[in-house]
Amino acid sequence: MTEMTRAQMETLLSLQEIELQKLEVQKVLDAVAAKVDALDQELNDFVRVIEKDRKAFTELKDRYRDFDEQIRVNTVLIDKIEAKRRSVKTNREYESLLKEEDQLRTRKSQVEDEMLACMTEMENLEKKIEQLEAEHHQLDEQVTEDKQAVKVEASASETRFADLSRKVAAVEAEIAPAVLKTFARIKKMTPDGKALAPARNSVCMGCHMNIPPQMFNELQRFDSLKLCPFCNRILYWDNA
């Protein structure tokens, strides 16, 4: 049986109150961190859109160069056929070269059309990227400003959190190690972070279950550590 005094119980209650305050401040700091992450995510999403369009623009440039090379090759082949056609001796050979030349010219015309469409797409995409980059610059400035405002908002909470942490350490130093260990263990097990629960009229106010009458009577003596047989919280008599 762990010994307990009224003064020790009051110290435990003080510790719980400070830790609950600290938990609320931590929620504020977590919300601030979430805001900062959301702002960073918004900016990163925008950057990914720009990078995707830049990649598409690079692919279009590669395709344009490929079209240009195809036209260059076709032009060389057409010139060779024209030169060769001037020196042929039979109609059959002449017609064959003429047919081949027509096919090359048709393909060249197709490539030129594709090249023109590619150029138009490149111009449109280039304008889009320029606009996105300008918007990104504005967004970057806005995000930086918003993050600074959020951090200023959080500074008071950070100071409060540090003060509460120092208070927790000071109060813990006044509590017996065995009691403190039990307190910390139970606190981790409870969803609300409360290791202590008041007992009123033989009812644990943590789980609202009736505790044995003898235990309730013993609680009023403040001579030992009592745990609720149902929720396992540390009980203390509340005669309010």
Protein backbone atom coordinates (compact mmCIF):
# COMPACT_ATOMS: atom_id res chain seq x y z
CA MET A 1 0.00 0.00 0.00
CA THR A 2 1.44 3.37 -1.04
CA GLU A 3 1.17 6.00 1.67
CA MET A 4 -0.62 9.24 0.84
CA THR A 5 -1.29 12.50 2.65
CA ARG A 6 -3.71 15.31 1.93
CA ALA A 7 -0.77 17.55 1.00
CA GLN A 8 0.58 14.99 -1.46
CA MET A 9 -2.86 14.59 -3.03
CA GLU A 10 -3.15 18.36 -3.42
CA THR A 11 0.28 18.38 -5.07
CA LEU A 12 -0.86 15.64 -7.46
CA LEU A 13 -3.99 17.64 -8.27
CA SER A 14 -1.83 20.69 -8.92
CA LEU A 15 0.37 18.62 -11.24
CA GLN A 16 -2.64 17.31 -13.14
CA GLU A 17 -4.05 20.82 -13.57
CA ILE A 18 -0.74 22.16 -14.89
CA GLU A 19 -0.37 19.22 -17.29
CA LEU A 20 -3.92 19.70 -18.58
CA GLN A 21 -3.13 23.36 -19.24
CA LYS A 22 0.05 22.26 -20.97
CA LEU A 23 -1.98 19.83 -23.10
CA GLU A 24 -4.30 22.65 -24.22
CA VAL A 25 -1.33 24.83 -25.16
CA GLN A 26 0.15 21.90 -27.06
CA LYS A 27 -3.07 21.65 -29.07
CA VAL A 28 -2.65 25.30 -30.05
CA LEU A 29 0.95 24.67 -31.09
CA ASP A 30 -0.09 21.59 -33.05
CA ALA A 31 -2.74 23.67 -34.85
CA VAL A 32 -0.08 26.26 -35.69
CA ALA A 33 2.20 23.55 -37.05
CA ALA A 34 -0.69 22.21 -39.12
CA LYS A 35 -1.31 25.71 -40.55
CA VAL A 36 2.36 26.04 -41.51
CA ASP A 37 2.32 22.58 -43.12
CA ALA A 38 -0.84 23.48 -45.05
CA LEU A 39 0.77 26.67 -46.35
CA ASP A 40 3.89 24.77 -47.38
CA GLN A 41 1.75 22.12 -49.06
CA GLU A 42 -0.15 24.77 -51.03
CA LEU A 43 3.12 26.22 -52.28
CA ASN A 44 4.58 22.79 -53.08
CA ASP A 45 1.46 21.80 -55.03
CA PHE A 46 1.81 24.95 -57.11
CA VAL A 47 5.48 24.21 -57.76
CA ARG A 48 4.59 20.68 -58.92
CA VAL A 49 2.13 22.12 -61.45
CA ILE A 50 4.83 24.40 -62.84
CA GLU A 51 7.38 21.59 -62.96
CA LYS A 52 4.89 19.39 -64.82
CA ASP A 53 4.34 22.11 -67.44
CA ARG A 54 8.09 22.73 -67.73
CA LYS A 55 8.61 19.04 -68.39
CA ALA A 56 5.88 19.11 -71.03
CA PHE A 57 7.54 22.14 -72.63
CA THR A 58 10.89 20.32 -72.76
CA GLU A 59 9.21 17.33 -74.42
CA LEU A 60 7.62 19.65 -76.98
CA LYS A 61 11.02 21.20 -77.74
CA ASP A 62 12.47 17.72 -78.30
CA ARG A 63 9.58 16.86 -80.59
CA TYR A 64 10.06 20.12 -82.49
CA ARG A 65 13.75 19.37 -83.01
CA ASP A 66 12.80 15.89 -84.22
CA PHE A 67 10.37 17.38 -86.75
CA ASP A 68 13.05 19.83 -87.87
CA GLU A 69 15.48 16.96 -88.42
CA GLN A 70 12.88 15.02 -90.40
CA ILE A 71 12.31 18.03 -92.68
CA ARG A 72 16.05 18.47 -93.16
CA VAL A 73 16.44 14.81 -94.14
CA ASN A 74 13.41 14.96 -96.45
CA THR A 75 14.73 18.08 -98.15
CA VAL A 76 18.09 16.42 -98.79
CA LEU A 77 16.36 13.33 -100.22
CA ILE A 78 14.10 15.45 -102.45
CA ASP A 79 17.09 17.40 -103.78
CA LYS A 80 18.89 14.15 -104.57
CA ILE A 81 15.86 12.74 -106.38
CA GLU A 82 15.43 15.95 -108.40
CA ALA A 83 19.06 15.82 -109.45
CA LYS A 84 18.79 12.15 -110.29
CA ARG A 85 15.55 12.66 -112.22
CA ARG A 86 17.26 15.09 -114.58
CA SER A 87 19.68 12.43 -115.71
CA VAL A 88 17.40 9.40 -116.14
CA LYS A 89 16.98 7.86 -119.59
CA THR A 90 13.70 5.94 -119.37
CA ASN A 91 10.14 7.06 -118.64
CA ARG A 92 9.67 4.19 -116.22
CA GLU A 93 12.62 5.28 -114.06
CA TYR A 94 11.49 8.90 -114.35
CA GLU A 95 7.98 8.07 -113.14
CA SER A 96 9.37 5.97 -110.29
CA LEU A 97 11.52 8.85 -109.06
CA LEU A 98 8.65 11.27 -109.47
CA LYS A 99 6.40 9.04 -107.35
CA GLU A 100 9.06 8.76 -104.65
CA GLU A 101 9.52 12.52 -104.68
CA ASP A 102 5.78 13.09 -104.31
CA GLN A 103 5.71 10.77 -101.30
CA LEU A 104 8.60 12.62 -99.70
CA ARG A 105 6.96 15.99 -100.35
CA THR A 106 3.66 14.74 -98.88
CA ARG A 107 5.44 13.50 -95.78
CA LYS A 108 7.39 16.76 -95.55
CA SER A 109 4.15 18.73 -95.71
CA GLN A 110 2.66 16.56 -92.95
CA VAL A 111 5.70 17.08 -90.74
CA GLU A 112 5.58 20.84 -91.39
CA ASP A 113 1.93 20.89 -90.24
CA GLU A 114 2.84 18.87 -87.13
CA MET A 115 5.78 21.17 -86.53
CA LEU A 116 3.56 24.24 -86.80
CA ALA A 117 1.05 22.73 -84.34
CA CYS A 118 3.92 21.87 -82.00
CA MET A 119 5.22 25.43 -82.19
CA THR A 120 1.77 26.83 -81.39
CA GLU A 121 1.47 24.47 -78.42
CA MET A 122 4.92 25.52 -77.21
CA GLU A 123 4.03 29.20 -77.43
CA ASN A 124 0.80 28.68 -75.48
CA LEU A 125 2.51 26.56 -72.85
CA GLU A 126 5.34 29.08 -72.52
CA LYS A 127 2.81 31.84 -71.83
CA LYS A 128 1.07 29.61 -69.30
CA ILE A 129 4.36 28.89 -67.50
CA GLU A 130 5.21 32.59 -67.38
CA GLN A 131 1.81 33.33 -65.85
CA LEU A 132 2.17 30.47 -63.35
CA GLU A 133 5.63 31.66 -62.34
CA ALA A 134 4.28 35.14 -61.71
CA GLU A 135 1.44 33.69 -59.63
CA HIS A 136 3.93 31.48 -57.80
CA HIS A 137 6.00 34.50 -56.90
CA GLN A 138 2.94 36.23 -55.46
CA LEU A 139 1.88 33.07 -53.61
CA ASP A 140 5.38 32.60 -52.22
CA GLU A 141 5.32 36.13 -50.79
CA GLN A 142 1.82 35.59 -49.36
CA VAL A 143 2.76 32.24 -47.81
CA THR A 144 5.88 33.75 -46.23
CA GLU A 145 3.77 36.57 -44.80
CA ASP A 146 1.09 34.16 -43.52
CA LYS A 147 3.68 31.86 -41.94
CA GLN A 148 5.28 34.79 -40.17
CA ALA A 149 1.88 35.84 -38.80
CA VAL A 150 1.18 32.30 -37.60
CA LYS A 151 4.58 32.09 -35.90
CA VAL A 152 3.98 35.42 -34.15
CA GLU A 153 0.62 34.06 -33.02
CA ALA A 154 2.36 30.95 -31.68
CA SER A 155 5.14 32.76 -29.82
CA ALA A 156 2.95 33.46 -26.78
CA SER A 157 1.87 29.82 -26.67
CA GLU A 158 5.48 28.67 -26.92
CA THR A 159 6.39 30.89 -23.97
CA ARG A 160 3.39 29.59 -22.03
CA PHE A 161 4.34 25.99 -22.85
CA ALA A 162 7.90 26.54 -21.59
CA ASP A 163 6.60 28.13 -18.37
CA LEU A 164 4.22 25.23 -17.75
CA SER A 165 7.00 22.72 -18.44
CA ARG A 166 9.12 24.37 -15.75
CA LYS A 167 6.18 24.27 -13.34
CA VAL A 168 5.64 20.58 -14.07
CA ALA A 169 9.27 19.83 -13.28
CA ALA A 170 9.09 21.83 -10.04
CA VAL A 171 5.91 20.09 -8.86
CA GLU A 172 7.18 16.63 -9.83
CA ALA A 173 10.19 17.20 -7.58
CA GLU A 174 7.80 17.44 -4.61
CA ILE A 175 6.12 14.09 -5.31
CA ALA A 176 7.37 10.71 -4.11
CA PRO A 177 8.90 8.71 -7.01
CA ALA A 178 6.55 5.75 -6.53
CA VAL A 179 3.48 7.99 -6.57
CA LEU A 180 4.78 9.91 -9.57
CA LYS A 181 5.42 6.66 -11.45
CA THR A 182 1.86 5.49 -10.76
CA PHE A 183 0.49 8.88 -11.81
CA ALA A 184 2.42 8.82 -15.12
CA ARG A 185 1.39 5.24 -15.89
CA ILE A 186 -2.32 5.87 -15.32
CA LYS A 187 -2.25 9.17 -17.21
CA LYS A 188 -1.07 7.35 -20.35
CA MET A 189 -3.97 4.91 -20.06
CA THR A 190 -6.75 7.51 -19.85
CA PRO A 191 -8.22 9.13 -22.99
CA ASP A 192 -8.54 12.55 -21.34
CA GLY A 193 -5.06 12.54 -19.79
CA LYS A 194 -6.50 12.67 -16.26
CA ALA A 195 -4.88 10.25 -13.83
CA LEU A 196 -6.91 11.55 -10.87
CA ALA A 197 -10.67 11.45 -10.43
CA PRO A 198 -12.81 12.83 -7.57
CA ALA A 199 -15.06 10.52 -5.61
CA ARG A 200 -18.42 11.99 -4.61
CA ASN A 201 -21.10 10.13 -2.73
CA SER A 202 -19.35 6.79 -3.30
CA VAL A 203 -19.17 7.42 -7.09
CA CYS A 204 -15.99 7.74 -9.14
CA MET A 205 -16.51 10.83 -11.26
CA GLY A 206 -14.02 9.52 -13.82
CA CYS A 207 -16.11 6.54 -14.89
CA HIS A 208 -19.31 7.25 -12.89
CA MET A 209 -19.26 3.82 -11.29
CA ASN A 210 -20.08 3.14 -7.65
CA ILE A 211 -17.03 2.31 -5.56
CA PRO A 212 -17.14 0.10 -2.44
CA PRO A 213 -18.39 1.98 0.65
CA GLN A 214 -15.31 0.97 2.63
CA MET A 215 -13.00 2.44 -0.03
CA PHE A 216 -14.99 5.67 -0.05
CA ASN A 217 -14.64 5.91 3.76
CA GLU A 218 -10.89 5.26 3.51
CA LEU A 219 -10.51 7.98 0.89
CA GLN A 220 -11.69 10.55 3.39
CA ARG A 221 -8.74 9.73 5.64
CA PHE A 222 -6.13 10.58 2.92
CA ASP A 223 -3.74 7.95 4.29
CA SER A 224 -3.12 5.76 1.22
CA LEU A 225 -3.25 5.74 -2.56
CA LYS A 226 -6.57 4.35 -3.80
CA LEU A 227 -7.35 3.35 -7.39
CA CYS A 228 -10.82 3.08 -8.86
CA PRO A 229 -11.54 -0.64 -9.33
CA PHE A 230 -13.22 0.15 -12.66
CA CYS A 231 -11.23 2.85 -14.50
CA ASN A 232 -8.01 2.50 -12.46
CA ARG A 233 -7.72 6.26 -11.87
CA ILE A 234 -6.28 7.59 -8.62
CA LEU A 235 -9.23 8.53 -6.43
CA TYR A 236 -9.49 11.44 -4.02
CA TRP A 237 -12.37 12.49 -1.81
CA ASP A 238 -14.18 15.56 -3.08
CA ASN A 239 -16.39 16.97 -0.36
CA ALA A 240 -17.56 19.92 -2.45
